[in-house]
Amino acid sequence: MQNEFGTKMDIRLVEIDYADNYELLIKAEEHYGVKAEKRAIPTLIIDNQVLIGEDAIRSGVRPIVEEGILNGGIAWPDIPDFDPSAIISAGNADANAQICTLDSSEVCETGAPIYAAYFYQTGCDSCSRIEADLAYLRSRYPQLIIEKFNVFDSTDLGIWLTERAGKKDFQSPAVFIGNQAWIGEEEITPEAIQAALECYKQEGSPRVWEAFDQEQGSANIVERFRAMSWLTVVFAGLVDGLNPCAFATLIFFVS
């Protein structure tokens, strides 16, 4: 579209690896009232409309641009304090600025470490945004060290941490720091976790999951499944099968 419309179209790419840019995204979502569970990457804002996700952007941006050109143009979004020229890019970023990623640990660690356990699921749409949240928090709190666990490989550990934090239902995504837990995309927000990091930043927080007994955890999982009736298992299987991924996979194999 940029090649097609030339100078009639001005799109600014906001690389969220830079903390200031990510704060701009958070500010925009707050301004437009985007709910926590609706947040995703990529996000495009045009004509004070928020298009979230690849499908919404592909289907929605062209009609808005074409109508805007016919009507004499579209102003920049009215995000408070937004300055298009202040967007940080590789060209104007501080050469000495360090980008702490979710997987980096020793490079960014300073002072008393704050250990966090992050449970994710492969193919989880909301997990990509949660990982962006955590990467942003790492840039603001370099002592934050995040250990990643695949929910399918470490279910027993996740359940143990959930119960330890006084919560009932474990699911992905989930984040655990000290005695606190944030489970699901509605709870995992930069603001919520940042409040906890402020409490831990002086003394740090240990790897509380080191106290987990693998054998006992596995035994608890087995007992939990034994307690389920066959009706529960059948119902769960039916519910899990009613999803677009299952339908798409079936069609793929049939074809």
C-alpha atoms as a PDB file:
ATOM      1  CA  MET A   1       0.000   0.000   0.000  1.00  0.00           C
ATOM      2  CA  GLN A   2       2.911   2.333   0.694  1.00  0.00           C
ATOM      3  CA  ASN A   3       4.261   1.733  -2.823  1.00  0.00           C
ATOM      4  CA  GLU A   4       0.792   2.142  -4.298  1.00  0.00           C
ATOM      5  CA  PHE A   5      -0.149   5.415  -2.587  1.00  0.00           C
ATOM      6  CA  GLY A   6       3.344   6.933  -2.319  1.00  0.00           C
ATOM      7  CA  THR A   7       3.489  10.257  -0.485  1.00  0.00           C
ATOM      8  CA  LYS A   8      -0.263  10.188   0.117  1.00  0.00           C
ATOM      9  CA  MET A   9       0.320   7.615   2.844  1.00  0.00           C
ATOM     10  CA  ASP A  10       2.534   8.133   5.891  1.00  0.00           C
ATOM     11  CA  ILE A  11       2.853   5.140   8.218  1.00  0.00           C
ATOM     12  CA  ARG A  12       5.181   5.212  11.211  1.00  0.00           C
ATOM     13  CA  LEU A  13       6.473   1.850  12.401  1.00  0.00           C
ATOM     14  CA  VAL A  14       6.783   1.692  16.186  1.00  0.00           C
ATOM     15  CA  GLU A  15       9.312  -0.948  17.241  1.00  0.00           C
ATOM     16  CA  ILE A  16       8.149  -2.059  20.677  1.00  0.00           C
ATOM     17  CA  ASP A  17      11.551  -3.471  21.679  1.00  0.00           C
ATOM     18  CA  TYR A  18      12.328   0.102  22.748  1.00  0.00           C
ATOM     19  CA  ALA A  19      10.795   0.853  26.142  1.00  0.00           C
ATOM     20  CA  ASP A  20       9.619   4.379  25.246  1.00  0.00           C
ATOM     21  CA  ASN A  21       7.844   3.047  22.167  1.00  0.00           C
ATOM     22  CA  TYR A  22       6.164   0.336  24.189  1.00  0.00           C
ATOM     23  CA  GLU A  23       4.969   2.918  26.691  1.00  0.00           C
ATOM     24  CA  LEU A  24       3.459   4.796  23.749  1.00  0.00           C
ATOM     25  CA  LEU A  25       1.526   1.655  22.800  1.00  0.00           C
ATOM     26  CA  ILE A  26       0.293   1.249  26.383  1.00  0.00           C
ATOM     27  CA  LYS A  27      -0.747   4.901  26.491  1.00  0.00           C
ATOM     28  CA  ALA A  28      -2.625   4.517  23.192  1.00  0.00           C
ATOM     29  CA  GLU A  29      -4.468   1.423  24.413  1.00  0.00           C
ATOM     30  CA  GLU A  30      -5.483   3.230  27.591  1.00  0.00           C
ATOM     31  CA  HIS A  31      -6.622   6.247  25.582  1.00  0.00           C
ATOM     32  CA  TYR A  32      -8.836   4.157  23.293  1.00  0.00           C
ATOM     33  CA  GLY A  33     -10.082   1.843  26.041  1.00  0.00           C
ATOM     34  CA  VAL A  34      -8.632  -1.395  24.675  1.00  0.00           C
ATOM     35  CA  LYS A  35      -9.365  -4.186  27.150  1.00  0.00           C
ATOM     36  CA  ALA A  36      -6.468  -6.256  28.473  1.00  0.00           C
ATOM     37  CA  GLU A  37      -7.744  -9.478  26.920  1.00  0.00           C
ATOM     38  CA  LYS A  38      -8.071  -7.798  23.498  1.00  0.00           C
ATOM     39  CA  ARG A  39      -4.470  -6.565  23.286  1.00  0.00           C
ATOM     40  CA  ALA A  40      -2.315  -8.137  20.604  1.00  0.00           C
ATOM     41  CA  ILE A  41       0.547  -7.540  18.234  1.00  0.00           C
ATOM     42  CA  PRO A  42       0.413  -6.128  15.595  1.00  0.00           C
ATOM     43  CA  THR A  43      -1.760  -3.103  16.399  1.00  0.00           C
ATOM     44  CA  LEU A  44      -2.471  -0.286  13.945  1.00  0.00           C
ATOM     45  CA  ILE A  45      -4.140   3.026  14.845  1.00  0.00           C
ATOM     46  CA  ILE A  46      -5.574   5.178  12.075  1.00  0.00           C
ATOM     47  CA  ASP A  47      -8.348   7.773  12.027  1.00  0.00           C
ATOM     48  CA  ASN A  48      -8.760   7.142  15.786  1.00  0.00           C
ATOM     49  CA  GLN A  49      -9.680   3.535  15.024  1.00  0.00           C
ATOM     50  CA  VAL A  50      -7.709   0.678  16.578  1.00  0.00           C
ATOM     51  CA  LEU A  51      -7.156  -2.349  14.355  1.00  0.00           C
ATOM     52  CA  ILE A  52      -5.798  -5.276  16.371  1.00  0.00           C
ATOM     53  CA  GLY A  53      -4.290  -8.369  14.811  1.00  0.00           C
ATOM     54  CA  GLU A  54      -3.228  -9.294  11.306  1.00  0.00           C
ATOM     55  CA  ASP A  55      -6.709 -10.115   9.995  1.00  0.00           C
ATOM     56  CA  ALA A  56      -8.284  -6.878  11.226  1.00  0.00           C
ATOM     57  CA  ILE A  57      -5.458  -4.793   9.756  1.00  0.00           C
ATOM     58  CA  ARG A  58      -5.456  -6.538   6.378  1.00  0.00           C
ATOM     59  CA  SER A  59      -9.211  -6.197   5.952  1.00  0.00           C
ATOM     60  CA  GLY A  60      -9.709  -2.797   7.556  1.00  0.00           C
ATOM     61  CA  VAL A  61      -6.858  -0.460   6.720  1.00  0.00           C
ATOM     62  CA  ARG A  62      -7.326  -0.085   2.937  1.00  0.00           C
ATOM     63  CA  PRO A  63     -10.936   1.203   3.047  1.00  0.00           C
ATOM     64  CA  ILE A  64      -9.962   3.714   5.744  1.00  0.00           C
ATOM     65  CA  VAL A  65      -6.962   4.980   3.748  1.00  0.00           C
ATOM     66  CA  GLU A  66      -8.884   5.243   0.461  1.00  0.00           C
ATOM     67  CA  GLU A  67     -11.750   7.137   2.117  1.00  0.00           C
ATOM     68  CA  GLY A  68      -9.273   9.387   3.910  1.00  0.00           C
ATOM     69  CA  ILE A  69      -7.516  10.311   0.662  1.00  0.00           C
ATOM     70  CA  LEU A  70     -10.859  11.176  -0.970  1.00  0.00           C
ATOM     71  CA  ASN A  71     -11.833  13.341   2.017  1.00  0.00           C
ATOM     72  CA  GLY A  72      -8.623  15.330   2.110  1.00  0.00           C
ATOM     73  CA  GLY A  73      -6.512  13.297   4.515  1.00  0.00           C
ATOM     74  CA  ILE A  74      -6.487  11.818   8.005  1.00  0.00           C
ATOM     75  CA  ALA A  75      -4.821  13.485  10.974  1.00  0.00           C
ATOM     76  CA  TRP A  76      -2.506  11.662  13.353  1.00  0.00           C
ATOM     77  CA  PRO A  77      -4.295   9.817  16.183  1.00  0.00           C
ATOM     78  CA  ASP A  78      -5.084  12.136  19.090  1.00  0.00           C
ATOM     79  CA  ILE A  79      -3.084  10.114  21.610  1.00  0.00           C
ATOM     80  CA  PRO A  80      -2.046  12.466  24.456  1.00  0.00           C
ATOM     81  CA  ASP A  81       1.498  13.833  24.019  1.00  0.00           C
ATOM     82  CA  PHE A  82       1.979  11.844  20.797  1.00  0.00           C
ATOM     83  CA  ASP A  83       4.757  13.214  18.581  1.00  0.00           C
ATOM     84  CA  PRO A  84       5.441  11.273  15.351  1.00  0.00           C
ATOM     85  CA  SER A  85       8.979  12.637  15.208  1.00  0.00           C
ATOM     86  CA  ALA A  86       9.753  11.289  18.694  1.00  0.00           C
ATOM     87  CA  ILE A  87       9.250   7.635  17.776  1.00  0.00           C
ATOM     88  CA  ILE A  88      12.475   5.760  18.505  1.00  0.00           C
ATOM     89  CA  SER A  89      13.997   3.737  15.688  1.00  0.00           C
ATOM     90  CA  ALA A  90      17.332   2.078  14.964  1.00  0.00           C
ATOM     91  CA  GLY A  91      18.435   5.313  13.311  1.00  0.00           C
ATOM     92  CA  ASN A  92      17.884   7.651  16.243  1.00  0.00           C
ATOM     93  CA  ALA A  93      18.191   5.318  19.245  1.00  0.00           C
ATOM     94  CA  ASP A  94      20.980   5.741  21.753  1.00  0.00           C
ATOM     95  CA  ALA A  95      23.818   3.555  20.512  1.00  0.00           C
ATOM     96  CA  ASN A  96      24.605   2.549  24.081  1.00  0.00           C
ATOM     97  CA  ALA A  97      21.018   1.731  24.947  1.00  0.00           C
ATOM     98  CA  GLN A  98      20.622  -1.913  25.850  1.00  0.00           C
ATOM     99  CA  ILE A  99      17.541  -3.826  24.794  1.00  0.00           C
ATOM    100  CA  CYS A 100      16.758  -6.527  27.349  1.00  0.00           C
ATOM    101  CA  THR A 101      14.854  -9.343  25.726  1.00  0.00           C
ATOM    102  CA  LEU A 102      12.749 -11.974  27.418  1.00  0.00           C
ATOM    103  CA  ASP A 103      15.482 -14.595  27.014  1.00  0.00           C
ATOM    104  CA  SER A 104      18.463 -12.489  28.065  1.00  0.00           C
ATOM    105  CA  SER A 105      19.484 -12.828  31.704  1.00  0.00           C
ATOM    106  CA  GLU A 106      23.127 -12.312  32.598  1.00  0.00           C
ATOM    107  CA  VAL A 107      23.516  -9.259  30.359  1.00  0.00           C
ATOM    108  CA  CYS A 108      20.699  -7.313  31.969  1.00  0.00           C
ATOM    109  CA  GLU A 109      20.893  -8.576  35.531  1.00  0.00           C
ATOM    110  CA  THR A 110      21.826  -5.948  38.114  1.00  0.00           C
ATOM    111  CA  GLY A 111      21.489  -5.735  41.857  1.00  0.00           C
ATOM    112  CA  ALA A 112      19.155  -8.096  43.701  1.00  0.00           C
ATOM    113  CA  PRO A 113      17.623 -10.429  41.085  1.00  0.00           C
ATOM    114  CA  ILE A 114      13.860 -10.785  40.831  1.00  0.00           C
ATOM    115  CA  TYR A 115      13.010 -14.236  39.494  1.00  0.00           C
ATOM    116  CA  ALA A 116       9.744 -14.774  37.633  1.00  0.00           C
ATOM    117  CA  ALA A 117       8.241 -17.960  36.215  1.00  0.00           C
ATOM    118  CA  TYR A 118       6.370 -17.475  32.943  1.00  0.00           C
ATOM    119  CA  PHE A 119       4.129 -20.268  31.652  1.00  0.00           C
ATOM    120  CA  TYR A 120       3.281 -20.153  27.963  1.00  0.00           C
ATOM    121  CA  GLN A 121       1.613 -22.319  25.347  1.00  0.00           C
ATOM    122  CA  THR A 122       2.914 -22.800  21.828  1.00  0.00           C
ATOM    123  CA  GLY A 123       0.558 -21.156  19.332  1.00  0.00           C
ATOM    124  CA  CYS A 124      -1.117 -19.019  21.994  1.00  0.00           C
ATOM    125  CA  ASP A 125      -2.123 -15.680  20.419  1.00  0.00           C
ATOM    126  CA  SER A 126      -2.271 -13.802  23.725  1.00  0.00           C
ATOM    127  CA  CYS A 127       1.151 -15.125  24.774  1.00  0.00           C
ATOM    128  CA  SER A 128       2.926 -12.987  22.153  1.00  0.00           C
ATOM    129  CA  ARG A 129       1.587  -9.826  23.753  1.00  0.00           C
ATOM    130  CA  ILE A 130       2.357 -11.066  27.255  1.00  0.00           C
ATOM    131  CA  GLU A 131       5.952 -11.711  26.166  1.00  0.00           C
ATOM    132  CA  ALA A 132       6.113  -8.146  24.851  1.00  0.00           C
ATOM    133  CA  ASP A 133       4.855  -6.918  28.234  1.00  0.00           C
ATOM    134  CA  LEU A 134       7.535  -8.906  30.046  1.00  0.00           C
ATOM    135  CA  ALA A 135      10.275  -7.728  27.688  1.00  0.00           C
ATOM    136  CA  TYR A 136       9.227  -4.132  28.358  1.00  0.00           C
ATOM    137  CA  LEU A 137       9.331  -4.713  32.121  1.00  0.00           C
ATOM    138  CA  ARG A 138      12.809  -6.209  31.757  1.00  0.00           C
ATOM    139  CA  SER A 139      13.978  -2.998  30.129  1.00  0.00           C
ATOM    140  CA  ARG A 140      12.655  -0.990  33.094  1.00  0.00           C
ATOM    141  CA  TYR A 141      13.763  -3.481  35.764  1.00  0.00           C
ATOM    142  CA  PRO A 142      17.054  -5.031  34.581  1.00  0.00           C
ATOM    143  CA  GLN A 143      17.231  -7.309  37.625  1.00  0.00           C
ATOM    144  CA  LEU A 144      14.056  -9.111  36.485  1.00  0.00           C
ATOM    145  CA  ILE A 145      15.000 -12.623  35.343  1.00  0.00           C
ATOM    146  CA  ILE A 146      12.260 -14.590  33.620  1.00  0.00           C
ATOM    147  CA  GLU A 147      12.317 -18.361  33.328  1.00  0.00           C
ATOM    148  CA  LYS A 148       9.980 -19.793  30.707  1.00  0.00           C
ATOM    149  CA  PHE A 149       7.995 -23.011  31.127  1.00  0.00           C
ATOM    150  CA  ASN A 150       5.879 -24.723  28.489  1.00  0.00           C
ATOM    151  CA  VAL A 151       2.524 -25.365  30.123  1.00  0.00           C
ATOM    152  CA  PHE A 152       2.307 -28.870  28.651  1.00  0.00           C
ATOM    153  CA  ASP A 153       5.700 -29.890  30.020  1.00  0.00           C
ATOM    154  CA  SER A 154       5.340 -28.266  33.450  1.00  0.00           C
ATOM    155  CA  THR A 155       1.649 -28.505  34.318  1.00  0.00           C
ATOM    156  CA  ASP A 156       2.363 -29.965  37.761  1.00  0.00           C
ATOM    157  CA  LEU A 157       4.702 -27.082  38.606  1.00  0.00           C
ATOM    158  CA  GLY A 158       2.146 -24.535  37.405  1.00  0.00           C
ATOM    159  CA  ILE A 159      -0.594 -26.060  39.545  1.00  0.00           C
ATOM    160  CA  TRP A 160       1.732 -26.101  42.552  1.00  0.00           C
ATOM    161  CA  LEU A 161       2.618 -22.417  42.115  1.00  0.00           C
ATOM    162  CA  THR A 162      -1.056 -21.544  41.608  1.00  0.00           C
ATOM    163  CA  GLU A 163      -2.092 -23.242  44.834  1.00  0.00           C
ATOM    164  CA  ARG A 164       0.895 -21.740  46.625  1.00  0.00           C
ATOM    165  CA  ALA A 165      -0.316 -18.257  45.617  1.00  0.00           C
ATOM    166  CA  GLY A 166      -3.810 -19.012  46.950  1.00  0.00           C
ATOM    167  CA  LYS A 167      -5.486 -19.302  43.565  1.00  0.00           C
ATOM    168  CA  LYS A 168      -7.567 -22.130  42.133  1.00  0.00           C
ATOM    169  CA  ASP A 169      -7.451 -22.362  38.347  1.00  0.00           C
ATOM    170  CA  PHE A 170      -4.154 -22.679  36.508  1.00  0.00           C
ATOM    171  CA  GLN A 171      -3.974 -21.829  32.814  1.00  0.00           C
ATOM    172  CA  SER A 172      -1.622 -20.205  30.342  1.00  0.00           C
ATOM    173  CA  PRO A 173      -0.381 -17.581  30.124  1.00  0.00           C
ATOM    174  CA  ALA A 174       0.618 -17.235  33.765  1.00  0.00           C
ATOM    175  CA  VAL A 175       3.321 -15.324  35.643  1.00  0.00           C
ATOM    176  CA  PHE A 176       4.560 -16.058  39.178  1.00  0.00           C
ATOM    177  CA  ILE A 177       6.837 -13.846  41.289  1.00  0.00           C
ATOM    178  CA  GLY A 178       7.408 -14.631  44.943  1.00  0.00           C
ATOM    179  CA  ASN A 179       4.019 -15.362  46.505  1.00  0.00           C
ATOM    180  CA  GLN A 180       2.087 -13.546  43.786  1.00  0.00           C
ATOM    181  CA  ALA A 181       0.460 -14.881  40.643  1.00  0.00           C
ATOM    182  CA  TRP A 182      -1.121 -13.381  37.536  1.00  0.00           C
ATOM    183  CA  ILE A 183      -3.109 -15.893  35.496  1.00  0.00           C
ATOM    184  CA  GLY A 184      -4.680 -15.164  32.101  1.00  0.00           C
ATOM    185  CA  GLU A 185      -4.326 -12.188  29.789  1.00  0.00           C
ATOM    186  CA  GLU A 186      -6.825 -10.160  31.820  1.00  0.00           C
ATOM    187  CA  GLU A 187      -4.561 -10.224  34.893  1.00  0.00           C
ATOM    188  CA  ILE A 188      -1.152 -10.033  33.222  1.00  0.00           C
ATOM    189  CA  THR A 189      -0.641  -6.341  32.486  1.00  0.00           C
ATOM    190  CA  PRO A 190       2.479  -4.159  32.836  1.00  0.00           C
ATOM    191  CA  GLU A 191       0.756  -2.046  35.477  1.00  0.00           C
ATOM    192  CA  ALA A 192      -0.137  -5.023  37.677  1.00  0.00           C
ATOM    193  CA  ILE A 193       3.285  -6.659  37.554  1.00  0.00           C
ATOM    194  CA  GLN A 194       5.120  -3.342  37.867  1.00  0.00           C
ATOM    195  CA  ALA A 195       3.455  -2.726  41.227  1.00  0.00           C
ATOM    196  CA  ALA A 196       4.927  -6.012  42.481  1.00  0.00           C
ATOM    197  CA  LEU A 197       8.355  -5.268  41.002  1.00  0.00           C
ATOM    198  CA  GLU A 198       8.465  -2.004  42.920  1.00  0.00           C
ATOM    199  CA  CYS A 199       8.038  -4.005  46.127  1.00  0.00           C
ATOM    200  CA  TYR A 200      10.730  -6.527  45.199  1.00  0.00           C
ATOM    201  CA  LYS A 201      13.329  -4.283  43.577  1.00  0.00           C
ATOM    202  CA  GLN A 202      15.272  -3.560  46.773  1.00  0.00           C
ATOM    203  CA  GLU A 203      15.661  -7.088  48.118  1.00  0.00           C
ATOM    204  CA  GLY A 204      14.795  -9.170  45.057  1.00  0.00           C
ATOM    205  CA  SER A 205      12.741 -12.369  44.897  1.00  0.00           C
ATOM    206  CA  PRO A 206      14.116 -15.941  44.866  1.00  0.00           C
ATOM    207  CA  ARG A 207      13.302 -18.847  42.568  1.00  0.00           C
ATOM    208  CA  VAL A 208      10.463 -20.096  44.738  1.00  0.00           C
ATOM    209  CA  TRP A 209       9.855 -23.050  42.387  1.00  0.00           C
ATOM    210  CA  GLU A 210      13.100 -24.637  43.558  1.00  0.00           C
ATOM    211  CA  ALA A 211      11.104 -25.932  46.550  1.00  0.00           C
ATOM    212  CA  PHE A 212       8.810 -27.896  44.218  1.00  0.00           C
ATOM    213  CA  ASP A 213       8.819 -31.680  44.699  1.00  0.00           C
ATOM    214  CA  GLN A 214       8.587 -33.186  41.206  1.00  0.00           C
ATOM    215  CA  GLU A 215       7.484 -36.636  42.398  1.00  0.00           C
ATOM    216  CA  GLN A 216       4.794 -35.252  44.684  1.00  0.00           C
ATOM    217  CA  GLY A 217       3.588 -32.902  41.978  1.00  0.00           C
ATOM    218  CA  SER A 218       3.272 -35.719  39.457  1.00  0.00           C
ATOM    219  CA  ALA A 219       1.416 -37.829  42.030  1.00  0.00           C
ATOM    220  CA  ASN A 220      -1.022 -34.982  42.642  1.00  0.00           C
ATOM    221  CA  ILE A 221      -1.722 -34.728  38.893  1.00  0.00           C
ATOM    222  CA  VAL A 222      -2.428 -38.462  38.699  1.00  0.00           C
ATOM    223  CA  GLU A 223      -4.800 -38.274  41.666  1.00  0.00           C
ATOM    224  CA  ARG A 224      -6.582 -35.318  40.122  1.00  0.00           C
ATOM    225  CA  PHE A 225      -7.236 -37.256  36.923  1.00  0.00           C
ATOM    226  CA  ARG A 226      -8.339 -40.346  38.848  1.00  0.00           C
ATOM    227  CA  ALA A 227     -10.925 -38.208  40.625  1.00  0.00           C
ATOM    228  CA  MET A 228     -12.508 -37.208  37.309  1.00  0.00           C
ATOM    229  CA  SER A 229     -15.555 -39.109  36.099  1.00  0.00           C
ATOM    230  CA  TRP A 230     -15.715 -40.395  32.526  1.00  0.00           C
ATOM    231  CA  LEU A 231     -18.452 -37.842  31.824  1.00  0.00           C
ATOM    232  CA  THR A 232     -16.061 -35.023  32.779  1.00  0.00           C
ATOM    233  CA  VAL A 233     -13.404 -36.368  30.433  1.00  0.00           C
ATOM    234  CA  VAL A 234     -15.849 -36.764  27.531  1.00  0.00           C
ATOM    235  CA  PHE A 235     -17.296 -33.282  28.063  1.00  0.00           C
ATOM    236  CA  ALA A 236     -13.808 -31.713  28.254  1.00  0.00           C
ATOM    237  CA  GLY A 237     -12.829 -33.497  25.038  1.00  0.00           C
ATOM    238  CA  LEU A 238     -15.917 -32.220  23.230  1.00  0.00           C
ATOM    239  CA  VAL A 239     -15.351 -28.655  24.418  1.00  0.00           C
ATOM    240  CA  ASP A 240     -11.664 -28.751  23.455  1.00  0.00           C
ATOM    241  CA  GLY A 241     -12.567 -30.081  20.010  1.00  0.00           C
ATOM    242  CA  LEU A 242     -14.901 -27.167  19.246  1.00  0.00           C
ATOM    243  CA  ASN A 243     -12.292 -24.646  18.162  1.00  0.00           C
ATOM    244  CA  PRO A 244     -11.105 -23.183  14.827  1.00  0.00           C
ATOM    245  CA  CYS A 245      -7.691 -24.853  15.080  1.00  0.00           C
ATOM    246  CA  ALA A 246      -9.264 -28.299  15.315  1.00  0.00           C
ATOM    247  CA  PHE A 247     -11.558 -27.622  12.358  1.00  0.00           C
ATOM    248  CA  ALA A 248      -8.709 -26.239  10.249  1.00  0.00           C
ATOM    249  CA  THR A 249      -6.500 -29.231  11.043  1.00  0.00           C
ATOM    250  CA  LEU A 250      -9.270 -31.703  10.186  1.00  0.00           C
ATOM    251  CA  ILE A 251      -9.930 -29.957   6.857  1.00  0.00           C
ATOM    252  CA  PHE A 252      -6.199 -29.955   6.125  1.00  0.00           C
ATOM    253  CA  PHE A 253      -5.849 -33.689   6.696  1.00  0.00           C
ATOM    254  CA  VAL A 254      -9.070 -34.527   4.839  1.00  0.00           C
ATOM    255  CA  SER A 255      -7.934 -32.490   1.844  1.00  0.00           C
END
